[in-house]
Amino acid sequence: MLELRPVCECCAKALPPDAADAFICSFECTFCAACVRGVLAGACPNCGGELTHRPRRPPEHLARHPASTVRKVNATGCAPGQASVAGRRA
């Protein structure tokens, strides 16, 4: 089950479970559309994988399967091809 992380890892923008502008890679690294289309150019800075729209969980399922509350943010922002930081997947 997807974690549905609450913020963009680059800029810390809030990305609630129903956010239409949330993107993820296959490791569930999470980013906002502005960062994906801007500095990241569509590629995950952690693994180099493709970033795609994050699916939205129907509201009736959020009570039983809530979104994550764990905030994963790169303190120095993001850049394509950067090395992963401690606590994040490479």
Protein backbone atom coordinates (compact mmCIF):
# COMPACT_ATOMS: atom_id res chain seq x y z
CA MET A 1 0.00 0.00 0.00
CA LEU A 2 1.33 3.45 -0.89
CA GLU A 3 2.42 5.62 2.03
CA LEU A 4 0.99 8.82 0.52
CA ARG A 5 3.72 10.98 2.05
CA PRO A 6 2.54 14.42 3.21
CA VAL A 7 5.11 16.80 1.68
CA CYS A 8 7.37 17.39 -1.31
CA GLU A 9 10.88 16.13 -0.52
CA CYS A 10 12.43 19.16 -2.27
CA CYS A 11 10.44 22.18 -1.12
CA ALA A 12 8.27 20.78 1.72
CA LYS A 13 5.02 21.86 0.01
CA ALA A 14 2.04 20.13 1.62
CA LEU A 15 0.72 17.23 -0.47
CA PRO A 16 -2.42 15.87 1.19
CA PRO A 17 -3.75 12.46 0.09
CA ASP A 18 -6.06 14.06 -2.47
CA ALA A 19 -3.38 16.32 -4.01
CA ALA A 20 -3.60 16.33 -7.80
CA ASP A 21 -0.07 17.72 -8.09
CA ALA A 22 1.76 14.95 -6.19
CA PHE A 23 4.31 12.81 -8.05
CA ILE A 24 6.18 9.65 -6.96
CA CYS A 25 8.90 7.31 -8.19
CA SER A 26 8.85 3.53 -7.79
CA PHE A 27 10.35 3.91 -4.28
CA GLU A 28 7.56 6.35 -3.30
CA CYS A 29 9.84 9.38 -3.11
CA THR A 30 7.31 12.22 -3.27
CA PHE A 31 7.50 15.58 -5.03
CA CYS A 32 5.21 18.42 -6.10
CA ALA A 33 4.51 19.22 -9.75
CA ALA A 34 6.51 22.46 -9.65
CA CYS A 35 9.69 20.66 -8.52
CA VAL A 36 9.12 17.75 -10.95
CA ARG A 37 8.68 20.07 -13.93
CA GLY A 38 11.38 22.46 -12.77
CA VAL A 39 14.62 21.45 -11.10
CA LEU A 40 14.01 17.69 -11.32
CA ALA A 41 13.07 17.59 -15.02
CA GLY A 42 10.89 14.51 -14.42
CA ALA A 43 13.53 12.32 -12.76
CA CYS A 44 13.80 11.31 -9.10
CA PRO A 45 16.94 12.84 -7.54
CA ASN A 46 17.31 9.82 -5.25
CA CYS A 47 17.16 6.91 -7.70
CA GLY A 48 17.06 8.54 -11.14
CA GLY A 49 13.72 6.86 -11.88
CA GLU A 50 10.68 8.26 -13.61
CA LEU A 51 8.32 10.46 -11.62
CA THR A 52 4.65 9.89 -12.28
CA HIS A 53 1.38 11.20 -10.85
CA ARG A 54 0.68 9.73 -7.42
CA PRO A 55 -2.67 7.92 -7.31
CA ARG A 56 -5.28 9.36 -4.96
CA ARG A 57 -6.86 7.10 -2.35
CA PRO A 58 -10.66 7.36 -2.23
CA PRO A 59 -11.81 9.23 0.90
CA GLU A 60 -13.83 6.25 2.13
CA HIS A 61 -10.60 4.23 2.37
CA LEU A 62 -8.48 6.87 4.14
CA ALA A 63 -10.02 6.15 7.54
CA ARG A 64 -8.96 2.50 7.41
CA HIS A 65 -5.72 3.13 5.47
CA PRO A 66 -4.53 6.64 6.42
CA ALA A 67 -1.82 8.56 4.62
CA SER A 68 1.64 8.74 6.15
CA THR A 69 2.50 11.58 8.53
CA VAL A 70 6.26 11.07 8.13
CA ARG A 71 7.87 14.14 6.57
CA LYS A 72 10.89 13.38 4.37
CA VAL A 73 12.50 16.59 3.16
CA ASN A 74 15.98 17.24 1.78
CA ALA A 75 17.26 20.15 3.86
CA THR A 76 19.29 21.50 0.93
CA GLY A 77 16.60 21.18 -1.73
CA CYS A 78 16.94 18.90 -4.74
CA ALA A 79 18.92 18.67 -7.91
CA PRO A 80 18.90 15.97 -10.58
CA GLY A 81 21.49 13.25 -9.98
CA GLN A 82 22.36 14.32 -6.44
CA ALA A 83 23.47 11.68 -3.97
CA SER A 84 20.83 10.50 -1.54
CA VAL A 85 21.00 11.79 2.01
CA ALA A 86 20.86 9.78 5.24
CA GLY A 87 17.50 8.21 5.87
CA ARG A 88 16.43 8.20 2.24
CA ARG A 89 16.54 5.45 -0.36
CA ALA A 90 19.31 5.60 -2.95
